[in-house]
Amino acid sequence: MTTQSQNPIAIAAVQPNHETIDHERRKLLVGAATGLAAAGVVNLFAIRPAPAATNDEIRPFHVDIPEADLVDLRRRLGATRWPEKETVADDSQGVPLAMLQDLVRYWQTDYDWRKVEARLNALPQFITEIDGLDIHFIHVRSKHENALPMIVTHGWPGSVIEQMKIIDPLTNPTAHGGNAEDAFHLVIPSMPGYGFSGKPTTTGWDPQRIARAWVVLMKRLGYKRFVAQGGDWGSPVSNEMAKLGAPELLGIHVNLPGVVPPEIFKAVASGNPAPDNLAPDEKRAFDQLRIQFAKRRAYAQIMGTRPQTLAALTDSPAGLAAWLLDHGDGFAQPASAMQSAVLGRAVNGHSAGALTRDDVLDNITLYWVTNTAISSARLYWENKTNLYLPANVPIPAAVTAFPGESFVAPRNWAEKAYPKLIYFHQAEAGGHFAAWEQPEIFSREVRDAFRPLRKAT
């Protein structure tokens, strides 16, 4: 998520002929709704067709990708037509051929989708219709009393798979060095056009509309007060939730904040030098933004203007993998954690953290089996808001600046963009995919960020 008007991540479902995903998604739905009581237990029902959603019905959801789809995936991987090797000795032309070929060989012969499918099905998952669209979400309630409900939004090229490692640390903090009073009830939805959620068939599903849908979702689940968290696209969605004036929303936490002062943004976008009066942390952020604008925005510009042209991503899994792996920065941040995970070693000193090669393939495979490469990309096209400029959030807000983010937000920028800033911290490790890369650090940050709101209510 790195563009002047757009931002970004996604996940997966079913698709026998890669054209019937919506039909197959319905086949995955389980029985009749079990209501909120089922929200805290694992779904063990057999899969059978479910009736279409009506009004505020909440239906249990179970993942079972047809074996034929996985066989077809492996066939396509084996039939990949490769380009010639890059003409440079580094990653300046994109994902290196040898790296991609090695990943594809592993994906075809050794990777097992059923492992992550089982982990997903061990979590309570549901579907509900909001504003005419099916929304998939994970809903895990804490065993601790007075747990704070929180909705967590992923980005691109991510999905709910990004957040799976933070579920236990946040719902069961006592098992991870935290206190019972820091517990959360978690709601983790798939954004429209991503993963197992429905694909919009008309325009209009931008961050503002998603924000409205998330408030509806939390209220439908019976939560009378809650908070929101987001990184990547989840940040602008959370910002927009904060601007709706919903009295139930107590505050937000973001890890890619909208904070860039207009004069700084203008200088970066025009290629002008940095103003002379910048503090060291502001100059560092300026330099990071300048590199981003000069070298790392092409993918976002394509999706923001011509997403349908990327049709080849729905036909070639190897091509899809290359597209999702590279944020235009190769072995630098923020893509470096994924590259390090794929290679099994740190690249340019950037650790993969908790990320593994299988983690990366879980996410890529989800995009493939749900055929959501194009539907997820359209969010860039839909967005018409500058995601760098100050968010001007009117409610309590918290910001964590991770060192591997596309730019590290200075505190004074955050204080101006979030006038009711209740927490700001620069974490010691982690990057753009913070929850995925450093789940323990991320979970600690979220606990610390919302502690002031717990004390105030």
Protein backbone atom coordinates (compact mmCIF):
# COMPACT_ATOMS: atom_id res chain seq x y z
CA MET A 1 0.00 0.00 0.00
CA THR A 2 2.11 2.85 -1.22
CA THR A 3 0.49 5.38 -3.48
CA GLN A 4 -0.62 8.96 -3.38
CA SER A 5 -4.28 8.04 -3.77
CA GLN A 6 -4.27 4.37 -3.16
CA ASN A 7 -3.16 1.80 -0.63
CA PRO A 8 -3.22 -2.11 0.15
CA ILE A 9 -3.38 -6.83 0.88
CA ALA A 10 -5.91 -10.25 0.52
CA ILE A 11 -6.76 -14.16 1.07
CA ALA A 12 -8.80 -17.24 -0.35
CA ALA A 13 -11.80 -19.72 -1.10
CA VAL A 14 -12.93 -22.00 -3.97
CA GLN A 15 -12.95 -21.94 -7.73
CA PRO A 16 -13.20 -25.08 -9.89
CA ASN A 17 -12.97 -23.29 -13.24
CA HIS A 18 -11.75 -19.99 -11.82
CA GLU A 19 -15.05 -18.48 -12.96
CA THR A 20 -17.50 -19.98 -10.46
CA ILE A 21 -15.96 -18.78 -7.23
CA ASP A 22 -19.09 -17.04 -5.97
CA HIS A 23 -21.14 -20.19 -6.52
CA GLU A 24 -18.54 -22.31 -4.80
CA ARG A 25 -18.24 -19.87 -1.93
CA ARG A 26 -21.91 -20.47 -1.19
CA LYS A 27 -21.28 -24.23 -1.24
CA LEU A 28 -18.78 -23.70 1.55
CA LEU A 29 -21.32 -22.17 3.88
CA VAL A 30 -22.46 -24.36 6.71
CA GLY A 31 -26.11 -24.94 7.60
CA ALA A 32 -28.26 -22.40 9.29
CA ALA A 33 -27.02 -19.58 11.43
CA THR A 34 -26.11 -20.44 14.98
CA GLY A 35 -26.12 -16.83 16.17
CA LEU A 36 -23.70 -15.13 18.46
CA ALA A 37 -23.40 -18.05 20.83
CA ALA A 38 -21.44 -19.91 18.19
CA ALA A 39 -18.98 -17.07 17.81
CA GLY A 40 -16.66 -18.52 20.42
CA VAL A 41 -16.53 -22.16 19.38
CA VAL A 42 -14.91 -24.05 16.56
CA ASN A 43 -17.24 -24.88 13.70
CA LEU A 44 -17.51 -28.66 13.29
CA PHE A 45 -20.55 -28.85 11.01
CA ALA A 46 -20.41 -30.71 7.73
CA ILE A 47 -20.37 -28.59 4.59
CA ARG A 48 -23.64 -28.25 2.73
CA PRO A 49 -25.29 -25.55 0.66
CA ALA A 50 -26.63 -22.69 2.74
CA PRO A 51 -29.56 -20.43 1.96
CA ALA A 52 -28.82 -16.93 0.71
CA ALA A 53 -28.22 -14.39 3.42
CA THR A 54 -31.20 -12.40 4.58
CA ASN A 55 -31.10 -9.19 6.57
CA ASP A 56 -28.66 -9.56 9.45
CA GLU A 57 -28.27 -13.35 9.40
CA ILE A 58 -24.88 -14.66 10.54
CA ARG A 59 -23.90 -17.98 8.96
CA PRO A 60 -21.09 -20.29 10.05
CA PHE A 61 -18.35 -20.74 7.45
CA HIS A 62 -15.99 -23.64 6.77
CA VAL A 63 -13.15 -23.79 4.22
CA ASP A 64 -12.77 -26.81 1.95
CA ILE A 65 -10.94 -26.07 -1.28
CA PRO A 66 -11.73 -28.81 -3.83
CA GLU A 67 -8.80 -31.13 -4.47
CA ALA A 68 -9.31 -30.57 -8.18
CA ASP A 69 -8.37 -26.91 -7.70
CA LEU A 70 -5.13 -27.84 -5.95
CA VAL A 71 -4.30 -30.39 -8.65
CA ASP A 72 -4.90 -27.71 -11.28
CA LEU A 73 -2.68 -25.29 -9.36
CA ARG A 74 0.20 -27.77 -9.32
CA ARG A 75 -0.32 -28.47 -13.04
CA ARG A 76 -0.16 -24.78 -13.88
CA LEU A 77 2.96 -24.32 -11.75
CA GLY A 78 4.65 -27.15 -13.62
CA ALA A 79 3.69 -25.62 -16.97
CA THR A 80 5.03 -22.13 -16.19
CA ARG A 81 6.63 -20.43 -19.17
CA TRP A 82 9.59 -18.59 -17.70
CA PRO A 83 11.20 -15.36 -18.85
CA GLU A 84 14.93 -15.16 -19.36
CA LYS A 85 17.14 -14.29 -16.41
CA GLU A 86 17.37 -10.64 -15.46
CA THR A 87 20.28 -8.76 -17.03
CA VAL A 88 21.57 -7.44 -13.71
CA ALA A 89 23.21 -9.10 -10.73
CA ASP A 90 20.80 -7.64 -8.18
CA ASP A 91 17.06 -7.25 -7.66
CA SER A 92 16.73 -3.87 -9.39
CA GLN A 93 14.63 -5.36 -12.22
CA GLY A 94 12.21 -7.10 -9.85
CA VAL A 95 11.88 -10.56 -8.30
CA PRO A 96 14.98 -12.51 -9.41
CA LEU A 97 14.24 -15.45 -11.70
CA ALA A 98 16.17 -18.01 -9.60
CA MET A 99 14.33 -17.01 -6.44
CA LEU A 100 10.91 -17.28 -8.09
CA GLN A 101 11.74 -20.60 -9.75
CA ASP A 102 12.86 -22.08 -6.43
CA LEU A 103 9.65 -20.90 -4.74
CA VAL A 104 7.49 -22.31 -7.53
CA ARG A 105 9.25 -25.68 -7.37
CA TYR A 106 8.55 -25.86 -3.63
CA TRP A 107 4.96 -24.68 -4.14
CA GLN A 108 4.36 -27.39 -6.72
CA THR A 109 6.00 -30.34 -4.98
CA ASP A 110 6.19 -29.79 -1.19
CA TYR A 111 3.78 -27.10 -0.07
CA ASP A 112 0.58 -28.31 1.66
CA TRP A 113 -2.43 -25.94 1.57
CA ARG A 114 -4.43 -28.27 3.82
CA LYS A 115 -2.31 -27.27 6.84
CA VAL A 116 -3.41 -23.64 6.79
CA GLU A 117 -6.92 -24.69 5.81
CA ALA A 118 -7.06 -26.76 9.01
CA ARG A 119 -5.81 -23.81 11.06
CA LEU A 120 -8.47 -21.59 9.56
CA ASN A 121 -11.17 -24.16 10.27
CA ALA A 122 -10.01 -24.40 13.88
CA LEU A 123 -11.18 -20.80 14.24
CA PRO A 124 -14.81 -19.63 14.40
CA GLN A 125 -15.56 -18.21 10.95
CA PHE A 126 -18.74 -16.62 9.68
CA ILE A 127 -20.42 -14.90 6.74
CA THR A 128 -22.96 -12.11 6.94
CA GLU A 129 -24.44 -9.82 4.32
CA ILE A 130 -23.80 -6.11 4.70
CA ASP A 131 -24.89 -3.53 2.14
CA GLY A 132 -25.68 -6.30 -0.35
CA LEU A 133 -22.30 -8.07 -0.07
CA ASP A 134 -21.24 -11.21 1.79
CA ILE A 135 -18.57 -10.41 4.37
CA HIS A 136 -16.40 -13.19 5.78
CA PHE A 137 -14.91 -12.79 9.24
CA ILE A 138 -13.12 -14.64 12.02
CA HIS A 139 -14.64 -14.04 15.46
CA VAL A 140 -12.74 -15.23 18.53
CA ARG A 141 -13.98 -14.26 21.97
CA SER A 142 -11.63 -14.14 24.95
CA LYS A 143 -12.21 -16.24 28.05
CA HIS A 144 -11.35 -13.22 30.19
CA GLU A 145 -14.01 -10.97 31.66
CA ASN A 146 -14.25 -7.40 30.42
CA ALA A 147 -12.27 -8.18 27.26
CA LEU A 148 -12.32 -5.23 24.86
CA PRO A 149 -13.91 -5.96 21.45
CA MET A 150 -11.62 -5.02 18.55
CA ILE A 151 -11.99 -5.24 14.77
CA VAL A 152 -8.69 -5.72 12.91
CA THR A 153 -8.40 -4.91 9.21
CA HIS A 154 -5.77 -6.35 6.88
CA GLY A 155 -4.42 -4.78 3.69
CA TRP A 156 -2.90 -5.71 0.32
CA PRO A 157 -1.27 -8.07 -0.55
CA GLY A 158 -2.45 -9.62 2.69
CA SER A 159 -5.50 -11.26 4.17
CA VAL A 160 -6.85 -12.56 7.45
CA ILE A 161 -3.93 -15.01 7.34
CA GLU A 162 -1.75 -12.04 8.39
CA GLN A 163 -3.57 -11.80 11.71
CA MET A 164 -3.76 -15.47 12.68
CA LYS A 165 -0.60 -15.29 14.82
CA ILE A 166 -1.93 -12.43 16.95
CA ILE A 167 -5.23 -14.11 17.85
CA ASP A 168 -4.01 -16.07 20.85
CA PRO A 169 -1.70 -13.34 22.22
CA LEU A 170 -4.57 -10.84 22.17
CA THR A 171 -7.45 -13.05 23.28
CA ASN A 172 -5.37 -15.02 25.79
CA PRO A 173 -2.74 -12.51 26.98
CA THR A 174 -1.91 -14.36 30.21
CA ALA A 175 -0.31 -17.11 28.12
CA HIS A 176 1.94 -14.56 26.40
CA GLY A 177 3.27 -12.40 29.20
CA GLY A 178 0.27 -10.11 29.38
CA ASN A 179 -2.47 -9.52 31.93
CA ALA A 180 -6.08 -10.65 31.88
CA GLU A 181 -7.26 -7.03 31.86
CA ASP A 182 -5.50 -6.57 28.49
CA ALA A 183 -7.64 -9.18 26.71
CA PHE A 184 -9.56 -8.55 23.50
CA HIS A 185 -12.48 -10.14 21.69
CA LEU A 186 -11.29 -10.22 18.07
CA VAL A 187 -13.23 -9.71 14.85
CA ILE A 188 -11.03 -10.11 11.76
CA PRO A 189 -12.93 -9.59 8.49
CA SER A 190 -11.85 -10.17 4.91
CA MET A 191 -12.24 -6.93 3.00
CA PRO A 192 -14.70 -6.85 0.08
CA GLY A 193 -13.10 -8.50 -2.95
CA TYR A 194 -10.54 -10.27 -0.77
CA GLY A 195 -10.42 -13.88 0.36
CA PHE A 196 -13.74 -15.41 1.25
CA SER A 197 -15.74 -12.17 1.22
CA GLY A 198 -17.94 -11.38 -1.74
CA LYS A 199 -16.64 -9.55 -4.80
CA PRO A 200 -18.32 -6.22 -5.49
CA THR A 201 -20.15 -6.20 -8.82
CA THR A 202 -20.67 -2.44 -8.80
CA THR A 203 -18.44 0.49 -7.94
CA GLY A 204 -18.29 2.25 -4.61
CA TRP A 205 -16.55 -0.11 -2.20
CA ASP A 206 -13.90 2.34 -1.03
CA PRO A 207 -12.38 2.72 2.47
CA GLN A 208 -15.29 4.91 3.60
CA ARG A 209 -17.87 2.31 2.62
CA ILE A 210 -15.85 -0.49 4.20
CA ALA A 211 -15.63 1.59 7.39
CA ARG A 212 -19.42 1.92 7.50
CA ALA A 213 -19.77 -1.83 6.96
CA TRP A 214 -17.37 -2.59 9.82
CA VAL A 215 -19.41 -0.49 12.24
CA VAL A 216 -22.53 -2.39 11.13
CA LEU A 217 -20.70 -5.69 11.64
CA MET A 218 -19.56 -4.88 15.18
CA LYS A 219 -23.02 -3.67 16.19
CA ARG A 220 -24.60 -6.75 14.60
CA LEU A 221 -22.37 -8.90 16.79
CA GLY A 222 -23.84 -7.13 19.79
CA TYR A 223 -20.86 -4.98 20.77
CA LYS A 224 -21.90 -1.72 22.39
CA ARG A 225 -18.33 -0.42 22.55
CA PHE A 226 -15.28 -1.44 20.58
CA VAL A 227 -11.98 -0.30 19.10
CA ALA A 228 -10.42 -0.70 15.65
CA GLN A 229 -6.91 -1.56 14.46
CA GLY A 230 -5.37 -1.52 11.01
CA GLY A 231 -2.19 -1.54 8.99
CA ASP A 232 -1.78 -0.98 5.26
CA TRP A 233 -5.34 -0.56 3.89
CA GLY A 234 -6.54 -1.25 7.42
CA SER A 235 -5.15 2.13 8.47
CA PRO A 236 -7.35 4.29 6.21
CA VAL A 237 -10.33 2.04 6.94
CA SER A 238 -9.77 2.59 10.67
CA ASN A 239 -9.27 6.32 10.11
CA GLU A 240 -12.57 6.49 8.23
CA MET A 241 -14.34 4.54 10.98
CA ALA A 242 -13.14 7.19 13.40
CA LYS A 243 -14.70 9.95 11.29
CA LEU A 244 -18.17 8.38 11.18
CA GLY A 245 -19.12 9.63 14.61
CA ALA A 246 -20.21 6.17 15.76
CA PRO A 247 -20.52 6.46 19.56
CA GLU A 248 -19.65 2.77 19.96
CA LEU A 249 -16.10 3.29 18.58
CA LEU A 250 -13.86 4.25 21.49
CA GLY A 251 -10.61 4.68 19.59
CA ILE A 252 -8.26 3.32 16.92
CA HIS A 253 -4.68 2.06 16.57
CA VAL A 254 -2.85 2.22 13.24
CA ASN A 255 0.60 1.18 12.11
CA LEU A 256 0.71 3.04 8.80
CA PRO A 257 -0.67 6.42 9.85
CA GLY A 258 -1.77 9.25 7.61
CA VAL A 259 0.55 11.96 8.94
CA VAL A 260 2.56 13.62 6.15
CA PRO A 261 2.26 17.42 6.35
CA PRO A 262 0.91 18.92 3.09
CA GLU A 263 4.08 20.93 2.42
CA ILE A 264 6.22 17.81 2.89
CA PHE A 265 3.99 15.78 0.63
CA LYS A 266 4.10 18.50 -2.04
CA ALA A 267 7.91 18.57 -1.94
CA VAL A 268 8.18 14.78 -2.15
CA ALA A 269 5.63 14.44 -4.97
CA SER A 270 7.25 17.18 -7.04
CA GLY A 271 10.81 15.95 -6.49
CA ASN A 272 11.86 19.11 -4.67
CA PRO A 273 14.50 19.01 -1.93
CA ALA A 274 13.56 18.72 1.72
CA PRO A 275 12.83 21.92 3.63
CA ASP A 276 15.81 23.19 5.61
CA ASN A 277 14.09 23.19 8.99
CA LEU A 278 13.36 19.45 9.33
CA ALA A 279 14.35 17.61 12.49
CA PRO A 280 16.43 14.42 12.04
CA ASP A 281 13.42 12.06 12.29
CA GLU A 282 11.49 14.25 9.83
CA LYS A 283 14.40 14.25 7.38
CA ARG A 284 14.61 10.47 7.62
CA ALA A 285 10.89 10.17 6.86
CA PHE A 286 11.26 12.63 3.98
CA ASP A 287 14.07 10.58 2.45
CA GLN A 288 12.08 7.36 2.84
CA LEU A 289 9.06 8.94 1.18
CA ARG A 290 11.19 10.30 -1.66
CA ILE A 291 12.54 6.81 -2.42
CA GLN A 292 9.03 5.40 -2.23
CA PHE A 293 7.63 7.92 -4.68
CA ALA A 294 10.56 7.56 -7.06
CA LYS A 295 10.89 3.77 -7.14
CA ARG A 296 8.14 1.89 -5.28
CA ARG A 297 4.75 3.06 -6.47
CA ALA A 298 4.44 1.55 -9.96
CA TYR A 299 2.45 -1.51 -8.85
CA ALA A 300 -0.01 0.66 -6.93
CA GLN A 301 -0.39 3.08 -9.84
CA ILE A 302 -1.26 0.21 -12.19
CA MET A 303 -3.88 -1.18 -9.79
CA GLY A 304 -5.16 2.32 -9.11
CA THR A 305 -5.75 3.08 -12.77
CA ARG A 306 -5.96 -0.19 -14.77
CA PRO A 307 -6.66 -3.15 -12.44
CA GLN A 308 -8.56 -5.14 -15.06
CA THR A 309 -5.49 -5.18 -17.28
CA LEU A 310 -3.79 -7.48 -14.76
CA ALA A 311 -5.88 -10.41 -16.00
CA ALA A 312 -2.78 -12.58 -16.44
CA LEU A 313 -2.57 -12.82 -12.63
CA THR A 314 -5.71 -14.97 -12.66
CA ASP A 315 -4.18 -17.37 -15.20
CA SER A 316 -0.61 -17.85 -13.96
CA PRO A 317 0.08 -18.71 -10.32
CA ALA A 318 3.79 -18.03 -10.85
CA GLY A 319 2.93 -14.57 -12.17
CA LEU A 320 0.61 -13.97 -9.23
CA ALA A 321 3.36 -14.94 -6.79
CA ALA A 322 5.83 -12.51 -8.38
CA TRP A 323 3.26 -9.69 -8.24
CA LEU A 324 2.36 -10.26 -4.58
CA LEU A 325 5.98 -10.66 -3.49
CA ASP A 326 7.37 -7.39 -4.81
CA HIS A 327 6.35 -3.98 -3.45
CA GLY A 328 8.65 -2.35 -5.95
CA ASP A 329 11.51 -2.39 -3.49
CA GLY A 330 13.04 -5.81 -4.00
CA PHE A 331 15.20 -6.77 -1.04
CA ALA A 332 14.61 -3.47 0.75
CA GLN A 333 11.69 -2.60 3.02
CA PRO A 334 8.78 -3.22 3.18
CA ALA A 335 8.92 -6.34 0.98
CA SER A 336 12.13 -7.63 2.53
CA ALA A 337 10.46 -9.69 5.26
CA MET A 338 8.64 -11.77 2.66
CA GLN A 339 11.77 -12.08 0.53
CA SER A 340 13.79 -13.17 3.55
CA ALA A 341 11.14 -15.77 4.42
CA VAL A 342 11.16 -17.14 0.87
CA LEU A 343 14.96 -17.33 0.76
CA GLY A 344 15.30 -18.68 4.30
CA ARG A 345 17.87 -16.05 5.24
CA ALA A 346 17.99 -12.36 6.00
CA VAL A 347 18.44 -10.18 2.93
CA ASN A 348 20.27 -6.87 3.25
CA GLY A 349 20.12 -7.33 7.02
CA HIS A 350 16.30 -7.51 7.05
CA SER A 351 15.01 -10.45 9.08
CA ALA A 352 11.87 -12.38 8.21
CA GLY A 353 10.92 -12.33 11.87
CA ALA A 354 8.25 -14.95 12.48
CA LEU A 355 7.46 -15.25 8.77
CA THR A 356 8.18 -18.54 6.99
CA ARG A 357 8.10 -19.61 3.37
CA ASP A 358 4.89 -21.53 4.05
CA ASP A 359 3.31 -18.41 5.58
CA VAL A 360 4.00 -16.51 2.37
CA LEU A 361 2.62 -19.32 0.22
CA ASP A 362 -0.46 -19.64 2.44
CA ASN A 363 -1.34 -16.06 1.57
CA ILE A 364 -0.49 -16.34 -2.14
CA THR A 365 -2.44 -19.59 -2.44
CA LEU A 366 -5.44 -17.96 -0.81
CA TYR A 367 -5.45 -15.30 -3.52
CA TRP A 368 -5.16 -18.03 -6.14
CA VAL A 369 -7.90 -20.39 -4.98
CA THR A 370 -10.34 -17.51 -4.43
CA ASN A 371 -9.41 -15.87 -7.75
CA THR A 372 -9.19 -12.47 -6.05
CA ALA A 373 -6.16 -10.94 -7.78
CA ILE A 374 -8.32 -8.49 -9.73
CA SER A 375 -11.15 -7.94 -7.25
CA SER A 376 -8.64 -7.08 -4.51
CA ALA A 377 -6.69 -4.75 -6.82
CA ARG A 378 -9.83 -2.72 -7.52
CA LEU A 379 -9.66 -1.22 -4.03
CA TYR A 380 -6.78 0.90 -5.35
CA TRP A 381 -9.01 2.07 -8.20
CA GLU A 382 -11.92 2.76 -5.85
CA ASN A 383 -9.91 4.86 -3.40
CA LYS A 384 -9.99 8.59 -4.09
CA THR A 385 -8.46 9.79 -0.81
CA ASN A 386 -4.83 10.79 -0.33
CA LEU A 387 -3.64 8.27 2.23
CA TYR A 388 -0.43 10.09 3.13
CA LEU A 389 -1.87 13.42 4.23
CA PRO A 390 -2.91 14.00 7.86
CA ALA A 391 -5.84 11.78 8.78
CA ASN A 392 -7.37 14.40 11.12
CA VAL A 393 -8.97 11.72 13.28
CA PRO A 394 -11.30 13.32 15.86
CA ILE A 395 -11.37 10.50 18.44
CA PRO A 396 -8.65 8.91 20.63
CA ALA A 397 -5.99 7.33 18.46
CA ALA A 398 -2.76 5.41 18.90
CA VAL A 399 0.16 5.00 16.50
CA THR A 400 3.01 2.50 16.39
CA ALA A 401 5.89 3.29 14.05
CA PHE A 402 7.64 0.07 13.00
CA PRO A 403 11.25 0.44 11.80
CA GLY A 404 10.68 -1.58 8.63
CA GLU A 405 7.65 0.40 7.47
CA SER A 406 7.74 2.25 4.14
CA PHE A 407 8.40 5.37 6.20
CA VAL A 408 8.78 5.81 9.94
CA ALA A 409 6.33 8.46 11.10
CA PRO A 410 7.79 11.15 13.37
CA ARG A 411 5.91 11.72 16.60
CA ASN A 412 5.22 15.40 15.96
CA TRP A 413 3.60 14.55 12.62
CA ALA A 414 1.40 11.99 14.39
CA GLU A 415 0.40 14.49 17.08
CA LYS A 416 -0.86 16.93 14.45
CA ALA A 417 -2.67 14.31 12.36
CA TYR A 418 -4.26 12.60 15.37
CA PRO A 419 -5.14 15.47 17.76
CA LYS A 420 -6.32 13.07 20.47
CA LEU A 421 -3.21 10.90 20.35
CA ILE A 422 -3.19 8.64 23.40
CA TYR A 423 -0.15 6.51 22.51
CA PHE A 424 2.88 6.73 20.23
CA HIS A 425 5.81 4.35 20.16
CA GLN A 426 8.59 3.34 17.80
CA ALA A 427 8.81 -0.44 18.02
CA GLU A 428 12.16 -2.20 18.11
CA ALA A 429 11.44 -4.58 15.22
CA GLY A 430 8.85 -5.30 12.55
CA GLY A 431 7.82 -3.76 9.29
CA HIS A 432 4.93 -3.24 6.93
CA PHE A 433 3.39 -6.62 7.80
CA ALA A 434 3.96 -6.14 11.51
CA ALA A 435 1.34 -8.56 12.86
CA TRP A 436 2.67 -11.27 10.53
CA GLU A 437 6.38 -10.55 11.06
CA GLN A 438 6.46 -9.80 14.78
CA PRO A 439 3.22 -11.04 16.36
CA GLU A 440 4.45 -10.78 19.95
CA ILE A 441 5.75 -7.22 19.54
CA PHE A 442 2.64 -6.23 17.62
CA SER A 443 0.37 -7.70 20.29
CA ARG A 444 2.26 -5.86 23.01
CA GLU A 445 1.89 -2.62 21.09
CA VAL A 446 -1.86 -3.08 20.75
CA ARG A 447 -2.24 -3.90 24.44
CA ASP A 448 -0.23 -0.83 25.43
CA ALA A 449 -2.02 1.39 22.94
CA PHE A 450 -5.52 0.73 24.21
CA ARG A 451 -4.74 0.54 27.93
CA PRO A 452 -5.54 4.26 28.46
CA LEU A 453 -9.03 3.74 26.99
CA ARG A 454 -9.73 0.81 29.29
CA LYS A 455 -8.86 2.95 32.30
CA ALA A 456 -11.11 5.75 31.09
CA THR A 457 -14.23 3.60 30.64
